[in-house]
């Protein structure tokens, strides 16, 4: 089976998972739970099925909060699109941009996106 990649809107890179989560308004026990997900995944990516209030690019698109461990101690956080799988990172980002344009958003900036290797969501955040 080939690797699959999913696109994510880059929300920021932070010194640790808790700071990344706080930037998205996630604190306390929920933040502890989400941060521990990085330790449970050897590839350094944890996803949590979630919705961003008022910003779904298209009705029915499954979305996720993505935490990714970067080289060193940095943690990346993003808003992933779980219904846009692709065989390459570049194609995943292209699909995200096309979806946003179809939903009526202006052509997006490619630099605001990253792609992550498919991992099953750890949990659903509400």
PDB file of N, CA and C in Angstrom:
ATOM      1  N   UNK A   1       0.837  -1.189   0.000  1.00  0.00           N
ATOM      2  CA  UNK A   1       0.000   0.000   0.000  1.00  0.00           C
ATOM      3  C   UNK A   1       0.879   1.249   0.000  1.00  0.00           C
ATOM      4  N   UNK A   2       0.568   2.155  -0.906  1.00  0.00           N
ATOM      5  CA  UNK A   2       1.330   3.394  -0.992  1.00  0.00           C
ATOM      6  C   UNK A   2       0.972   4.313   0.165  1.00  0.00           C
ATOM      7  N   UNK A   3       1.925   5.158   0.525  1.00  0.00           N
ATOM      8  CA  UNK A   3       1.640   6.176   1.532  1.00  0.00           C
ATOM      9  C   UNK A   3       0.586   7.122   0.993  1.00  0.00           C
ATOM     10  N   UNK A   4      -0.257   7.603   1.874  1.00  0.00           N
ATOM     11  CA  UNK A   4      -1.204   8.646   1.527  1.00  0.00           C
ATOM     12  C   UNK A   4      -0.878   9.873   2.350  1.00  0.00           C
ATOM     13  N   UNK A   5      -1.084  11.018   1.734  1.00  0.00           N
ATOM     14  CA  UNK A   5      -0.842  12.286   2.400  1.00  0.00           C
ATOM     15  C   UNK A   5      -2.131  13.096   2.409  1.00  0.00           C
ATOM     16  N   UNK A   6      -2.277  13.909   3.440  1.00  0.00           N
ATOM     17  CA  UNK A   6      -3.425  14.791   3.564  1.00  0.00           C
ATOM     18  C   UNK A   6      -2.917  16.219   3.718  1.00  0.00           C
ATOM     19  N   UNK A   7      -3.635  17.189   3.176  1.00  0.00           N
ATOM     20  CA  UNK A   7      -3.221  18.583   3.335  1.00  0.00           C
ATOM     21  C   UNK A   7      -3.715  19.159   4.659  1.00  0.00           C
ATOM     22  N   UNK A   8      -3.005  20.155   5.140  1.00  0.00           N
ATOM     23  CA  UNK A   8      -3.411  20.856   6.363  1.00  0.00           C
ATOM     24  C   UNK A   8      -3.049  22.331   6.236  1.00  0.00           C
ATOM     25  N   UNK A   9      -3.931  23.170   6.747  1.00  0.00           N
ATOM     26  CA  UNK A   9      -3.663  24.594   6.826  1.00  0.00           C
ATOM     27  C   UNK A   9      -2.712  24.820   7.996  1.00  0.00           C
ATOM     28  N   UNK A  10      -1.574  25.423   7.725  1.00  0.00           N
ATOM     29  CA  UNK A  10      -0.540  25.646   8.739  1.00  0.00           C
ATOM     30  C   UNK A  10      -0.971  26.761   9.678  1.00  0.00           C
ATOM     31  N   UNK A  11      -1.148  26.423  10.956  1.00  0.00           N
ATOM     32  CA  UNK A  11      -1.544  27.413  11.956  1.00  0.00           C
ATOM     33  C   UNK A  11      -0.355  27.962  12.734  1.00  0.00           C
ATOM     34  N   UNK A  12       0.772  27.237  12.724  1.00  0.00           N
ATOM     35  CA  UNK A  12       1.956  27.754  13.402  1.00  0.00           C
ATOM     36  C   UNK A  12       2.883  26.666  13.894  1.00  0.00           C
ATOM     37  N   UNK A  13       4.122  27.059  14.200  1.00  0.00           N
ATOM     38  CA  UNK A  13       5.130  26.187  14.798  1.00  0.00           C
ATOM     39  C   UNK A  13       5.457  26.761  16.174  1.00  0.00           C
ATOM     40  N   UNK A  14       5.493  25.889  17.172  1.00  0.00           N
ATOM     41  CA  UNK A  14       5.636  26.323  18.566  1.00  0.00           C
ATOM     42  C   UNK A  14       6.689  25.485  19.277  1.00  0.00           C
ATOM     43  N   UNK A  15       7.179  25.978  20.425  1.00  0.00           N
ATOM     44  CA  UNK A  15       8.257  25.277  21.124  1.00  0.00           C
ATOM     45  C   UNK A  15       7.839  23.940  21.736  1.00  0.00           C
ATOM     46  N   UNK A  16       6.528  23.721  21.952  1.00  0.00           N
ATOM     47  CA  UNK A  16       6.078  22.464  22.553  1.00  0.00           C
ATOM     48  C   UNK A  16       4.599  22.248  22.228  1.00  0.00           C
ATOM     49  N   UNK A  17       4.098  21.028  22.410  1.00  0.00           N
ATOM     50  CA  UNK A  17       2.694  20.739  22.070  1.00  0.00           C
ATOM     51  C   UNK A  17       1.683  21.589  22.835  1.00  0.00           C
ATOM     52  N   UNK A  18       1.923  21.841  24.122  1.00  0.00           N
ATOM     53  CA  UNK A  18       0.954  22.608  24.904  1.00  0.00           C
ATOM     54  C   UNK A  18       0.827  24.050  24.413  1.00  0.00           C
ATOM     55  N   UNK A  19       1.925  24.647  24.007  1.00  0.00           N
ATOM     56  CA  UNK A  19       1.879  26.007  23.474  1.00  0.00           C
ATOM     57  C   UNK A  19       1.153  26.019  22.133  1.00  0.00           C
ATOM     58  N   UNK A  20       1.398  25.005  21.306  1.00  0.00           N
ATOM     59  CA  UNK A  20       0.698  24.888  20.020  1.00  0.00           C
ATOM     60  C   UNK A  20      -0.803  24.753  20.249  1.00  0.00           C
ATOM     61  N   UNK A  21      -1.183  23.896  21.174  1.00  0.00           N
ATOM     62  CA  UNK A  21      -2.606  23.686  21.463  1.00  0.00           C
ATOM     63  C   UNK A  21      -3.250  24.942  22.041  1.00  0.00           C
ATOM     64  N   UNK A  22      -2.541  25.638  22.912  1.00  0.00           N
ATOM     65  CA  UNK A  22      -3.067  26.880  23.487  1.00  0.00           C
ATOM     66  C   UNK A  22      -3.345  27.909  22.394  1.00  0.00           C
ATOM     67  N   UNK A  23      -2.527  27.909  21.347  1.00  0.00           N
ATOM     68  CA  UNK A  23      -2.740  28.858  20.248  1.00  0.00           C
ATOM     69  C   UNK A  23      -4.072  28.603  19.539  1.00  0.00           C
ATOM     70  N   UNK A  24      -4.585  27.388  19.657  1.00  0.00           N
ATOM     71  CA  UNK A  24      -5.873  27.026  19.056  1.00  0.00           C
ATOM     72  C   UNK A  24      -6.997  27.035  20.101  1.00  0.00           C
ATOM     73  N   UNK A  25      -6.695  27.524  21.302  1.00  0.00           N
ATOM     74  CA  UNK A  25      -7.718  27.621  22.350  1.00  0.00           C
ATOM     75  C   UNK A  25      -7.972  26.322  23.090  1.00  0.00           C
ATOM     76  N   UNK A  26      -6.999  25.423  23.077  1.00  0.00           N
ATOM     77  CA  UNK A  26      -7.156  24.126  23.750  1.00  0.00           C
ATOM     78  C   UNK A  26      -6.230  24.103  24.962  1.00  0.00           C
ATOM     79  N   UNK A  27      -6.827  23.913  26.150  1.00  0.00           N
ATOM     80  CA  UNK A  27      -6.087  23.985  27.407  1.00  0.00           C
ATOM     81  C   UNK A  27      -6.443  22.799  28.307  1.00  0.00           C
ATOM     82  N   UNK A  28      -5.767  22.705  29.435  1.00  0.00           N
ATOM     83  CA  UNK A  28      -6.125  21.772  30.500  1.00  0.00           C
ATOM     84  C   UNK A  28      -6.007  20.306  30.124  1.00  0.00           C
ATOM     85  N   UNK A  29      -6.966  19.509  30.626  1.00  0.00           N
ATOM     86  CA  UNK A  29      -6.918  18.067  30.420  1.00  0.00           C
ATOM     87  C   UNK A  29      -7.020  17.678  28.952  1.00  0.00           C
ATOM     88  N   UNK A  30      -7.781  18.445  28.177  1.00  0.00           N
ATOM     89  CA  UNK A  30      -7.887  18.147  26.741  1.00  0.00           C
ATOM     90  C   UNK A  30      -6.530  18.351  26.074  1.00  0.00           C
ATOM     91  N   UNK A  31      -5.833  19.426  26.441  1.00  0.00           N
ATOM     92  CA  UNK A  31      -4.497  19.672  25.896  1.00  0.00           C
ATOM     93  C   UNK A  31      -3.530  18.564  26.316  1.00  0.00           C
ATOM     94  N   UNK A  32      -3.600  18.136  27.565  1.00  0.00           N
ATOM     95  CA  UNK A  32      -2.744  17.037  28.030  1.00  0.00           C
ATOM     96  C   UNK A  32      -2.996  15.776  27.212  1.00  0.00           C
ATOM     97  N   UNK A  33      -4.272  15.477  26.981  1.00  0.00           N
ATOM     98  CA  UNK A  33      -4.649  14.298  26.198  1.00  0.00           C
ATOM     99  C   UNK A  33      -4.098  14.397  24.773  1.00  0.00           C
ATOM    100  N   UNK A  34      -4.297  15.544  24.133  1.00  0.00           N
ATOM    101  CA  UNK A  34      -3.832  15.711  22.758  1.00  0.00           C
ATOM    102  C   UNK A  34      -2.309  15.672  22.659  1.00  0.00           C
ATOM    103  N   UNK A  35      -1.635  16.325  23.578  1.00  0.00           N
ATOM    104  CA  UNK A  35      -0.168  16.336  23.564  1.00  0.00           C
ATOM    105  C   UNK A  35       0.391  14.933  23.740  1.00  0.00           C
ATOM    106  N   UNK A  36      -0.261  14.119  24.555  1.00  0.00           N
ATOM    107  CA  UNK A  36       0.225  12.751  24.768  1.00  0.00           C
ATOM    108  C   UNK A  36       0.109  11.915  23.493  1.00  0.00           C
ATOM    109  N   UNK A  37      -0.770  12.320  22.570  1.00  0.00           N
ATOM    110  CA  UNK A  37      -0.915  11.600  21.311  1.00  0.00           C
ATOM    111  C   UNK A  37       0.358  11.583  20.491  1.00  0.00           C
ATOM    112  N   UNK A  38       1.177  12.624  20.608  1.00  0.00           N
ATOM    113  CA  UNK A  38       2.448  12.638  19.874  1.00  0.00           C
ATOM    114  C   UNK A  38       3.376  11.539  20.371  1.00  0.00           C
ATOM    115  N   UNK A  39       3.335  11.256  21.667  1.00  0.00           N
ATOM    116  CA  UNK A  39       4.183  10.206  22.231  1.00  0.00           C
ATOM    117  C   UNK A  39       3.717   8.820  21.796  1.00  0.00           C
ATOM    118  N   UNK A  40       2.413   8.696  21.490  1.00  0.00           N
ATOM    119  CA  UNK A  40       1.853   7.408  21.101  1.00  0.00           C
ATOM    120  C   UNK A  40       2.086   7.071  19.634  1.00  0.00           C
ATOM    121  N   UNK A  41       2.540   8.039  18.842  1.00  0.00           N
ATOM    122  CA  UNK A  41       2.746   7.818  17.416  1.00  0.00           C
ATOM    123  C   UNK A  41       4.230   7.967  17.081  1.00  0.00           C
ATOM    124  N   UNK A  42       4.878   6.882  16.714  1.00  0.00           N
ATOM    125  CA  UNK A  42       6.316   6.929  16.451  1.00  0.00           C
ATOM    126  C   UNK A  42       6.700   7.841  15.285  1.00  0.00           C
ATOM    127  N   UNK A  43       5.768   8.103  14.367  1.00  0.00           N
ATOM    128  CA  UNK A  43       6.109   8.983  13.239  1.00  0.00           C
ATOM    129  C   UNK A  43       5.984  10.458  13.598  1.00  0.00           C
ATOM    130  N   UNK A  44       5.556  10.764  14.826  1.00  0.00           N
ATOM    131  CA  UNK A  44       5.501  12.145  15.285  1.00  0.00           C
ATOM    132  C   UNK A  44       4.334  12.954  14.751  1.00  0.00           C
ATOM    133  N   UNK A  45       3.244  12.276  14.352  1.00  0.00           N
ATOM    134  CA  UNK A  45       2.041  12.979  13.888  1.00  0.00           C
ATOM    135  C   UNK A  45       0.849  12.427  14.651  1.00  0.00           C
ATOM    136  N   UNK A  46       0.042  13.317  15.203  1.00  0.00           N
ATOM    137  CA  UNK A  46      -1.200  12.913  15.862  1.00  0.00           C
ATOM    138  C   UNK A  46      -2.329  13.748  15.270  1.00  0.00           C
ATOM    139  N   UNK A  47      -3.430  13.085  14.927  1.00  0.00           N
ATOM    140  CA  UNK A  47      -4.579  13.804  14.384  1.00  0.00           C
ATOM    141  C   UNK A  47      -5.791  13.568  15.273  1.00  0.00           C
ATOM    142  N   UNK A  48      -6.643  14.581  15.328  1.00  0.00           N
ATOM    143  CA  UNK A  48      -7.866  14.525  16.119  1.00  0.00           C
ATOM    144  C   UNK A  48      -8.993  15.074  15.254  1.00  0.00           C
ATOM    145  N   UNK A  49      -9.985  14.239  14.962  1.00  0.00           N
ATOM    146  CA  UNK A  49     -11.108  14.703  14.162  1.00  0.00           C
ATOM    147  C   UNK A  49     -11.748  15.889  14.876  1.00  0.00           C
ATOM    148  N   UNK A  50     -11.929  16.995  14.161  1.00  0.00           N
ATOM    149  CA  UNK A  50     -12.423  18.225  14.780  1.00  0.00           C
ATOM    150  C   UNK A  50     -13.025  19.131  13.721  1.00  0.00           C
ATOM    151  N   UNK A  51     -13.811  20.084  14.159  1.00  0.00           N
ATOM    152  CA  UNK A  51     -14.362  21.107  13.279  1.00  0.00           C
ATOM    153  C   UNK A  51     -13.930  22.471  13.781  1.00  0.00           C
ATOM    154  N   UNK A  52     -13.580  23.335  12.857  1.00  0.00           N
ATOM    155  CA  UNK A  52     -13.284  24.717  13.200  1.00  0.00           C
ATOM    156  C   UNK A  52     -14.558  25.498  12.977  1.00  0.00           C
ATOM    157  N   UNK A  53     -15.062  26.137  13.983  1.00  0.00           N
ATOM    158  CA  UNK A  53     -16.329  26.854  13.905  1.00  0.00           C
ATOM    159  C   UNK A  53     -16.311  27.877  12.778  1.00  0.00           C
ATOM    160  N   UNK A  54     -17.284  27.736  11.875  1.00  0.00           N
ATOM    161  CA  UNK A  54     -17.468  28.722  10.818  1.00  0.00           C
ATOM    162  C   UNK A  54     -16.431  28.738   9.731  1.00  0.00           C
ATOM    163  N   UNK A  55     -15.558  27.723   9.656  1.00  0.00           N
ATOM    164  CA  UNK A  55     -14.520  27.820   8.637  1.00  0.00           C
ATOM    165  C   UNK A  55     -14.350  26.537   7.834  1.00  0.00           C
ATOM    166  N   UNK A  56     -15.330  25.660   7.845  1.00  0.00           N
ATOM    167  CA  UNK A  56     -15.244  24.476   7.014  1.00  0.00           C
ATOM    168  C   UNK A  56     -15.233  24.912   5.550  1.00  0.00           C
ATOM    169  N   UNK A  57     -14.281  24.421   4.748  1.00  0.00           N
ATOM    170  CA  UNK A  57     -14.150  24.892   3.379  1.00  0.00           C
ATOM    171  C   UNK A  57     -15.319  24.488   2.491  1.00  0.00           C
ATOM    172  N   UNK A  58     -15.984  23.428   2.792  1.00  0.00           N
ATOM    173  CA  UNK A  58     -17.066  22.914   1.968  1.00  0.00           C
ATOM    174  C   UNK A  58     -17.909  22.003   2.851  1.00  0.00           C
ATOM    175  N   UNK A  59     -19.219  22.079   2.770  1.00  0.00           N
ATOM    176  CA  UNK A  59     -20.055  21.222   3.617  1.00  0.00           C
ATOM    177  C   UNK A  59     -19.700  19.750   3.431  1.00  0.00           C
ATOM    178  N   UNK A  60     -19.611  19.027   4.531  1.00  0.00           N
ATOM    179  CA  UNK A  60     -19.347  17.599   4.477  1.00  0.00           C
ATOM    180  C   UNK A  60     -17.886  17.197   4.450  1.00  0.00           C
ATOM    181  N   UNK A  61     -16.962  18.146   4.407  1.00  0.00           N
ATOM    182  CA  UNK A  61     -15.539  17.812   4.398  1.00  0.00           C
ATOM    183  C   UNK A  61     -15.113  17.446   5.806  1.00  0.00           C
ATOM    184  N   UNK A  62     -14.503  16.255   5.953  1.00  0.00           N
ATOM    185  CA  UNK A  62     -14.014  15.825   7.262  1.00  0.00           C
ATOM    186  C   UNK A  62     -12.714  16.563   7.564  1.00  0.00           C
ATOM    187  N   UNK A  63     -12.636  17.111   8.753  1.00  0.00           N
ATOM    188  CA  UNK A  63     -11.470  17.899   9.134  1.00  0.00           C
ATOM    189  C   UNK A  63     -10.842  17.363  10.415  1.00  0.00           C
ATOM    190  N   UNK A  64      -9.589  17.744  10.644  1.00  0.00           N
ATOM    191  CA  UNK A  64      -8.859  17.272  11.817  1.00  0.00           C
ATOM    192  C   UNK A  64      -7.879  18.337  12.297  1.00  0.00           C
ATOM    193  N   UNK A  65      -7.625  18.321  13.595  1.00  0.00           N
ATOM    194  CA  UNK A  65      -6.522  19.093  14.141  1.00  0.00           C
ATOM    195  C   UNK A  65      -5.303  18.182  14.045  1.00  0.00           C
ATOM    196  N   UNK A  66      -4.211  18.718  13.521  1.00  0.00           N
ATOM    197  CA  UNK A  66      -2.998  17.933  13.301  1.00  0.00           C
ATOM    198  C   UNK A  66      -1.876  18.506  14.161  1.00  0.00           C
ATOM    199  N   UNK A  67      -1.233  17.639  14.947  1.00  0.00           N
ATOM    200  CA  UNK A  67      -0.013  17.993  15.668  1.00  0.00           C
ATOM    201  C   UNK A  67       1.122  17.206  15.043  1.00  0.00           C
ATOM    202  N   UNK A  68       2.223  17.891  14.741  1.00  0.00           N
ATOM    203  CA  UNK A  68       3.362  17.224  14.104  1.00  0.00           C
ATOM    204  C   UNK A  68       4.644  17.635  14.813  1.00  0.00           C
ATOM    205  N   UNK A  69       5.406  16.642  15.233  1.00  0.00           N
ATOM    206  CA  UNK A  69       6.703  16.916  15.859  1.00  0.00           C
ATOM    207  C   UNK A  69       7.701  17.223  14.749  1.00  0.00           C
ATOM    208  N   UNK A  70       8.366  18.365  14.851  1.00  0.00           N
ATOM    209  CA  UNK A  70       9.381  18.755  13.883  1.00  0.00           C
ATOM    210  C   UNK A  70      10.760  18.419  14.434  1.00  0.00           C
ATOM    211  N   UNK A  71      11.784  18.581  13.611  1.00  0.00           N
ATOM    212  CA  UNK A  71      13.152  18.372  14.098  1.00  0.00           C
ATOM    213  C   UNK A  71      13.388  19.279  15.297  1.00  0.00           C
ATOM    214  N   UNK A  72      14.106  18.764  16.260  1.00  0.00           N
ATOM    215  CA  UNK A  72      14.312  19.525  17.486  1.00  0.00           C
ATOM    216  C   UNK A  72      13.088  19.371  18.364  1.00  0.00           C
ATOM    217  N   UNK A  73      12.747  20.421  19.075  1.00  0.00           N
ATOM    218  CA  UNK A  73      11.621  20.330  20.001  1.00  0.00           C
ATOM    219  C   UNK A  73      10.385  21.067  19.510  1.00  0.00           C
ATOM    220  N   UNK A  74      10.378  21.530  18.269  1.00  0.00           N
ATOM    221  CA  UNK A  74       9.257  22.290  17.735  1.00  0.00           C
ATOM    222  C   UNK A  74       8.044  21.390  17.459  1.00  0.00           C
ATOM    223  N   UNK A  75       6.848  21.967  17.611  1.00  0.00           N
ATOM    224  CA  UNK A  75       5.600  21.282  17.306  1.00  0.00           C
ATOM    225  C   UNK A  75       4.806  22.136  16.336  1.00  0.00           C
ATOM    226  N   UNK A  76       4.384  21.537  15.231  1.00  0.00           N
ATOM    227  CA  UNK A  76       3.540  22.210  14.245  1.00  0.00           C
ATOM    228  C   UNK A  76       2.088  21.857  14.520  1.00  0.00           C
ATOM    229  N   UNK A  77       1.205  22.840  14.373  1.00  0.00           N
ATOM    230  CA  UNK A  77      -0.229  22.587  14.493  1.00  0.00           C
ATOM    231  C   UNK A  77      -0.892  23.059  13.202  1.00  0.00           C
ATOM    232  N   UNK A  78      -1.876  22.287  12.781  1.00  0.00           N
ATOM    233  CA  UNK A  78      -2.583  22.637  11.554  1.00  0.00           C
ATOM    234  C   UNK A  78      -4.004  22.111  11.577  1.00  0.00           C
ATOM    235  N   UNK A  79      -4.758  22.551  10.591  1.00  0.00           N
ATOM    236  CA  UNK A  79      -6.144  22.139  10.419  1.00  0.00           C
ATOM    237  C   UNK A  79      -6.183  21.281   9.166  1.00  0.00           C
ATOM    238  N   UNK A  80      -6.319  19.958   9.342  1.00  0.00           N
ATOM    239  CA  UNK A  80      -6.211  19.019   8.236  1.00  0.00           C
ATOM    240  C   UNK A  80      -7.523  18.701   7.560  1.00  0.00           C
ATOM    241  N   UNK A  81      -7.430  18.323   6.305  1.00  0.00           N
ATOM    242  CA  UNK A  81      -8.582  17.942   5.497  1.00  0.00           C
ATOM    243  C   UNK A  81      -8.497  16.443   5.216  1.00  0.00           C
ATOM    244  N   UNK A  82      -9.286  15.661   5.950  1.00  0.00           N
ATOM    245  CA  UNK A  82      -9.179  14.204   5.915  1.00  0.00           C
ATOM    246  C   UNK A  82      -9.818  13.573   4.676  1.00  0.00           C
ATOM    247  N   UNK A  83     -10.605  14.310   3.933  1.00  0.00           N
ATOM    248  CA  UNK A  83     -11.251  13.775   2.739  1.00  0.00           C
ATOM    249  C   UNK A  83     -10.481  14.079   1.461  1.00  0.00           C
ATOM    250  N   UNK A  84      -9.252  14.546   1.580  1.00  0.00           N
ATOM    251  CA  UNK A  84      -8.476  14.920   0.403  1.00  0.00           C
ATOM    252  C   UNK A  84      -7.156  14.148   0.320  1.00  0.00           C
ATOM    253  N   UNK A  85      -7.218  12.809   0.330  1.00  0.00           N
ATOM    254  CA  UNK A  85      -5.973  12.037   0.284  1.00  0.00           C
ATOM    255  C   UNK A  85      -5.294  12.153  -1.076  1.00  0.00           C
ATOM    256  N   UNK A  86      -3.990  12.014  -1.072  1.00  0.00           N
ATOM    257  CA  UNK A  86      -3.209  12.054  -2.309  1.00  0.00           C
ATOM    258  C   UNK A  86      -1.968  11.184  -2.143  1.00  0.00           C
ATOM    259  N   UNK A  87      -1.359  10.823  -3.269  1.00  0.00           N
ATOM    260  CA  UNK A  87      -0.173   9.968  -3.230  1.00  0.00           C
ATOM    261  C   UNK A  87       1.106  10.741  -2.960  1.00  0.00           C
ATOM    262  N   UNK A  88       1.053  12.067  -3.122  1.00  0.00           N
ATOM    263  CA  UNK A  88       2.236  12.890  -2.852  1.00  0.00           C
ATOM    264  C   UNK A  88       1.840  14.094  -1.996  1.00  0.00           C
ATOM    265  N   UNK A  89       2.820  14.667  -1.347  1.00  0.00           N
ATOM    266  CA  UNK A  89       2.575  15.854  -0.543  1.00  0.00           C
ATOM    267  C   UNK A  89       2.109  17.013  -1.414  1.00  0.00           C
ATOM    268  N   UNK A  90       2.749  17.202  -2.570  1.00  0.00           N
ATOM    269  CA  UNK A  90       2.399  18.298  -3.463  1.00  0.00           C
ATOM    270  C   UNK A  90       0.962  18.176  -3.959  1.00  0.00           C
ATOM    271  N   UNK A  91       0.546  16.979  -4.341  1.00  0.00           N
ATOM    272  CA  UNK A  91      -0.822  16.774  -4.824  1.00  0.00           C
ATOM    273  C   UNK A  91      -1.841  17.015  -3.708  1.00  0.00           C
ATOM    274  N   UNK A  92      -1.509  16.648  -2.479  1.00  0.00           N
ATOM    275  CA  UNK A  92      -2.412  16.892  -1.352  1.00  0.00           C
ATOM    276  C   UNK A  92      -2.658  18.390  -1.177  1.00  0.00           C
ATOM    277  N   UNK A  93      -1.610  19.176  -1.259  1.00  0.00           N
ATOM    278  CA  UNK A  93      -1.748  20.631  -1.114  1.00  0.00           C
ATOM    279  C   UNK A  93      -2.549  21.210  -2.282  1.00  0.00           C
ATOM    280  N   UNK A  94      -2.287  20.729  -3.488  1.00  0.00           N
ATOM    281  CA  UNK A  94      -3.044  21.187  -4.663  1.00  0.00           C
ATOM    282  C   UNK A  94      -4.527  20.902  -4.486  1.00  0.00           C
ATOM    283  N   UNK A  95      -4.886  19.733  -3.992  1.00  0.00           N
ATOM    284  CA  UNK A  95      -6.294  19.389  -3.774  1.00  0.00           C
ATOM    285  C   UNK A  95      -6.951  20.313  -2.748  1.00  0.00           C
ATOM    286  N   UNK A  96      -6.216  20.671  -1.715  1.00  0.00           N
ATOM    287  CA  UNK A  96      -6.770  21.591  -0.709  1.00  0.00           C
ATOM    288  C   UNK A  96      -7.057  22.954  -1.337  1.00  0.00           C
ATOM    289  N   UNK A  97      -6.115  23.457  -2.128  1.00  0.00           N
ATOM    290  CA  UNK A  97      -6.312  24.756  -2.766  1.00  0.00           C
ATOM    291  C   UNK A  97      -7.495  24.714  -3.725  1.00  0.00           C
ATOM    292  N   UNK A  98      -7.634  23.637  -4.494  1.00  0.00           N
ATOM    293  CA  UNK A  98      -8.763  23.505  -5.419  1.00  0.00           C
ATOM    294  C   UNK A  98     -10.094  23.457  -4.665  1.00  0.00           C
ATOM    295  N   UNK A  99     -10.123  22.774  -3.537  1.00  0.00           N
ATOM    296  CA  UNK A  99     -11.347  22.686  -2.726  1.00  0.00           C
ATOM    297  C   UNK A  99     -11.745  24.057  -2.200  1.00  0.00           C
ATOM    298  N   UNK A 100     -10.775  24.827  -1.751  1.00  0.00           N
ATOM    299  CA  UNK A 100     -11.074  26.173  -1.247  1.00  0.00           C
ATOM    300  C   UNK A 100     -11.623  27.073  -2.351  1.00  0.00           C
ATOM    301  N   UNK A 101     -11.051  26.974  -3.551  1.00  0.00           N
ATOM    302  CA  UNK A 101     -11.528  27.785  -4.675  1.00  0.00           C
ATOM    303  C   UNK A 101     -12.956  27.390  -5.038  1.00  0.00           C
ATOM    304  N   UNK A 102     -13.252  26.086  -5.075  1.00  0.00           N
ATOM    305  CA  UNK A 102     -14.616  25.628  -5.381  1.00  0.00           C
ATOM    306  C   UNK A 102     -15.618  26.126  -4.339  1.00  0.00           C
ATOM    307  N   UNK A 103     -15.159  26.289  -3.110  1.00  0.00           N
ATOM    308  CA  UNK A 103     -16.045  26.741  -2.035  1.00  0.00           C
ATOM    309  C   UNK A 103     -16.200  28.265  -2.028  1.00  0.00           C
ATOM    310  N   UNK A 104     -15.566  28.933  -2.987  1.00  0.00           N
ATOM    311  CA  UNK A 104     -15.743  30.376  -3.104  1.00  0.00           C
ATOM    312  C   UNK A 104     -14.662  31.214  -2.455  1.00  0.00           C
ATOM    313  N   UNK A 105     -13.640  30.582  -1.908  1.00  0.00           N
ATOM    314  CA  UNK A 105     -12.531  31.336  -1.319  1.00  0.00           C
ATOM    315  C   UNK A 105     -11.574  31.738  -2.431  1.00  0.00           C
ATOM    316  N   UNK A 106     -10.864  32.804  -2.198  1.00  0.00           N
ATOM    317  CA  UNK A 106      -9.849  33.213  -3.170  1.00  0.00           C
ATOM    318  C   UNK A 106      -8.793  32.131  -3.275  1.00  0.00           C
ATOM    319  N   UNK A 107      -8.049  32.194  -4.353  1.00  0.00           N
ATOM    320  CA  UNK A 107      -6.952  31.258  -4.522  1.00  0.00           C
ATOM    321  C   UNK A 107      -6.034  31.361  -3.309  1.00  0.00           C
ATOM    322  N   UNK A 108      -5.794  30.253  -2.642  1.00  0.00           N
ATOM    323  CA  UNK A 108      -4.998  30.246  -1.418  1.00  0.00           C
ATOM    324  C   UNK A 108      -3.511  30.359  -1.673  1.00  0.00           C
ATOM    325  N   UNK A 109      -2.798  30.668  -0.650  1.00  0.00           N
ATOM    326  CA  UNK A 109      -1.343  30.749  -0.697  1.00  0.00           C
ATOM    327  C   UNK A 109      -0.781  29.374  -0.371  1.00  0.00           C
ATOM    328  N   UNK A 110      -0.079  28.794  -1.309  1.00  0.00           N
ATOM    329  CA  UNK A 110       0.479  27.445  -1.157  1.00  0.00           C
ATOM    330  C   UNK A 110       1.358  27.332   0.093  1.00  0.00           C
ATOM    331  N   UNK A 111       2.010  28.421   0.456  1.00  0.00           N
ATOM    332  CA  UNK A 111       2.920  28.411   1.604  1.00  0.00           C
ATOM    333  C   UNK A 111       2.188  28.257   2.929  1.00  0.00           C
ATOM    334  N   UNK A 112       0.878  28.469   2.943  1.00  0.00           N
ATOM    335  CA  UNK A 112       0.107  28.352   4.184  1.00  0.00           C
ATOM    336  C   UNK A 112      -0.304  26.909   4.463  1.00  0.00           C
ATOM    337  N   UNK A 113       0.073  25.975   3.585  1.00  0.00           N
ATOM    338  CA  UNK A 113      -0.313  24.582   3.744  1.00  0.00           C
ATOM    339  C   UNK A 113       0.902  23.685   3.916  1.00  0.00           C
ATOM    340  N   UNK A 114       0.690  22.563   4.573  1.00  0.00           N
ATOM    341  CA  UNK A 114       1.679  21.490   4.610  1.00  0.00           C
ATOM    342  C   UNK A 114       0.921  20.187   4.423  1.00  0.00           C
ATOM    343  N   UNK A 115       1.636  19.118   4.147  1.00  0.00           N
ATOM    344  CA  UNK A 115       1.000  17.804   3.998  1.00  0.00           C
ATOM    345  C   UNK A 115       1.569  16.879   5.069  1.00  0.00           C
ATOM    346  N   UNK A 116       0.735  15.962   5.515  1.00  0.00           N
ATOM    347  CA  UNK A 116       1.170  14.999   6.520  1.00  0.00           C
ATOM    348  C   UNK A 116       0.790  13.602   6.077  1.00  0.00           C
ATOM    349  N   UNK A 117       1.597  12.642   6.510  1.00  0.00           N
ATOM    350  CA  UNK A 117       1.334  11.242   6.170  1.00  0.00           C
ATOM    351  C   UNK A 117       0.103  10.766   6.925  1.00  0.00           C
ATOM    352  N   UNK A 118      -0.713   9.995   6.229  1.00  0.00           N
ATOM    353  CA  UNK A 118      -1.977   9.517   6.798  1.00  0.00           C
ATOM    354  C   UNK A 118      -1.750   8.721   8.073  1.00  0.00           C
ATOM    355  N   UNK A 119      -2.439   9.123   9.121  1.00  0.00           N
ATOM    356  CA  UNK A 119      -2.506   8.374  10.380  1.00  0.00           C
ATOM    357  C   UNK A 119      -3.957   8.408  10.830  1.00  0.00           C
ATOM    358  N   UNK A 120      -4.450   7.348  11.447  1.00  0.00           N
ATOM    359  CA  UNK A 120      -5.832   7.388  11.898  1.00  0.00           C
ATOM    360  C   UNK A 120      -6.009   8.406  13.030  1.00  0.00           C
ATOM    361  N   UNK A 121      -7.157   9.079  13.071  1.00  0.00           N
ATOM    362  CA  UNK A 121      -7.380  10.042  14.157  1.00  0.00           C
ATOM    363  C   UNK A 121      -7.322   9.358  15.517  1.00  0.00           C
ATOM    364  N   UNK A 122      -6.724  10.042  16.486  1.00  0.00           N
ATOM    365  CA  UNK A 122      -6.631   9.532  17.857  1.00  0.00           C
ATOM    366  C   UNK A 122      -7.990   9.574  18.537  1.00  0.00           C
ATOM    367  N   UNK A 123      -8.758  10.589  18.216  1.00  0.00           N
ATOM    368  CA  UNK A 123     -10.029  10.802  18.902  1.00  0.00           C
ATOM    369  C   UNK A 123     -10.808  11.880  18.173  1.00  0.00           C
ATOM    370  N   UNK A 124     -12.017  12.120  18.637  1.00  0.00           N
ATOM    371  CA  UNK A 124     -12.851  13.191  18.105  1.00  0.00           C
ATOM    372  C   UNK A 124     -12.921  14.285  19.151  1.00  0.00           C
ATOM    373  N   UNK A 125     -12.578  15.508  18.765  1.00  0.00           N
ATOM    374  CA  UNK A 125     -12.670  16.654  19.678  1.00  0.00           C
ATOM    375  C   UNK A 125     -13.956  17.391  19.391  1.00  0.00           C
ATOM    376  N   UNK A 126     -14.669  17.765  20.445  1.00  0.00           N
ATOM    377  CA  UNK A 126     -15.915  18.507  20.262  1.00  0.00           C
ATOM    378  C   UNK A 126     -15.879  19.797  21.026  1.00  0.00           C
TER     379      UNK A 126
END
